Protein backbone atom coordinates (compact mmCIF):
# COMPACT_ATOMS: atom_id res chain seq x y z
CA MET A 1 -15.22 5.02 -12.18
CA GLU A 2 -17.38 3.33 -9.80
CA ILE A 3 -17.09 3.90 -6.14
CA PRO A 4 -15.95 0.51 -4.38
CA GLN A 5 -18.23 -1.33 -1.96
CA ILE A 6 -15.91 -1.17 0.70
CA SER A 7 -12.54 0.44 1.74
CA ILE A 8 -9.74 -1.52 3.39
CA VAL A 9 -7.49 0.73 5.42
CA VAL A 10 -4.00 -0.73 6.30
CA PRO A 11 -1.85 1.38 8.81
CA VAL A 12 1.76 1.35 7.76
CA TYR A 13 4.11 1.82 10.70
CA ASN A 14 7.27 0.02 10.91
CA VAL A 15 5.83 -3.37 9.47
CA GLU A 16 8.33 -3.76 6.62
CA LYS A 17 8.77 -7.44 7.18
CA TYR A 18 4.95 -8.13 7.27
CA LEU A 19 3.74 -5.72 4.68
CA GLU A 20 4.08 -7.83 1.16
CA ARG A 21 2.16 -10.65 3.17
CA CYS A 22 -0.56 -8.33 4.22
CA ILE A 23 -1.08 -6.89 0.72
CA ASP A 24 -0.88 -10.27 -0.96
CA SER A 25 -3.49 -11.78 1.50
CA ILE A 26 -5.94 -8.78 0.83
CA LEU A 27 -5.50 -9.19 -2.97
CA ALA A 28 -5.88 -12.86 -2.80
CA GLN A 29 -9.66 -12.55 -1.49
CA THR A 30 -12.49 -13.51 -3.61
CA PHE A 31 -14.39 -10.41 -3.00
CA THR A 32 -12.91 -7.75 -5.26
CA ASP A 33 -15.01 -4.68 -4.97
CA PHE A 34 -12.82 -2.80 -2.69
CA GLU A 35 -10.28 -0.05 -2.55
CA LEU A 36 -6.99 -0.62 -0.70
CA LEU A 37 -5.54 2.31 1.16
CA LEU A 38 -2.12 1.90 2.87
CA ILE A 39 -1.55 4.78 5.02
CA ASN A 40 2.03 5.39 6.22
CA ASP A 41 2.39 7.19 9.27
CA GLY A 42 6.14 8.27 9.43
CA SER A 43 7.58 4.66 9.71
CA LYS A 44 11.25 4.52 10.90
CA ASP A 45 12.04 1.57 8.93
CA SER A 46 11.65 0.96 5.16
CA SER A 47 7.93 0.31 5.06
CA ALA A 48 7.05 3.21 2.86
CA ILE A 49 9.61 2.21 0.25
CA SER A 50 8.38 -1.39 0.36
CA MET A 51 4.98 -0.24 0.22
CA LEU A 52 5.57 1.67 -2.94
CA ARG A 53 7.63 -0.84 -4.46
CA LYS A 54 4.92 -3.45 -4.10
CA ILE A 55 2.21 -0.98 -5.59
CA HIS A 56 4.50 -0.48 -8.59
CA VAL A 57 4.79 -4.19 -9.25
CA LEU A 58 1.01 -4.47 -9.11
CA GLY A 59 0.94 -1.79 -12.00
CA CYS A 60 -0.93 0.87 -9.70
CA PHE A 61 -0.48 4.59 -10.41
CA ILE A 62 1.53 6.30 -7.62
CA LYS A 63 0.64 9.92 -7.04
CA LYS A 64 3.12 12.16 -5.56
CA MET A 65 5.69 9.32 -4.71
CA ARG A 66 8.40 11.53 -3.68
CA GLU A 67 6.11 13.20 -0.96
CA LEU A 68 5.04 9.80 0.31
CA VAL A 69 8.68 8.66 0.63
CA GLY A 70 10.48 11.77 1.12
CA ARG A 71 13.48 10.54 -1.30
CA GLU A 72 13.95 8.79 -4.58
CA ILE A 73 13.16 5.07 -4.93
């Protein structure tokens, strides 16, 4: 596995209604040698669940999902 050229860090805190648009925008870029890190910092809304659903739709591996969300999806 190669190391990506850049890391894109997206803080996720109470941004449920903007999160999908943000992820889609990043993934639509022509530059593709990056890793996307979505960091949830204890959102009070459903940002974490939205984040994990989007990741699941993209076919990404979700590690320790229960720890990230704190409940079943």
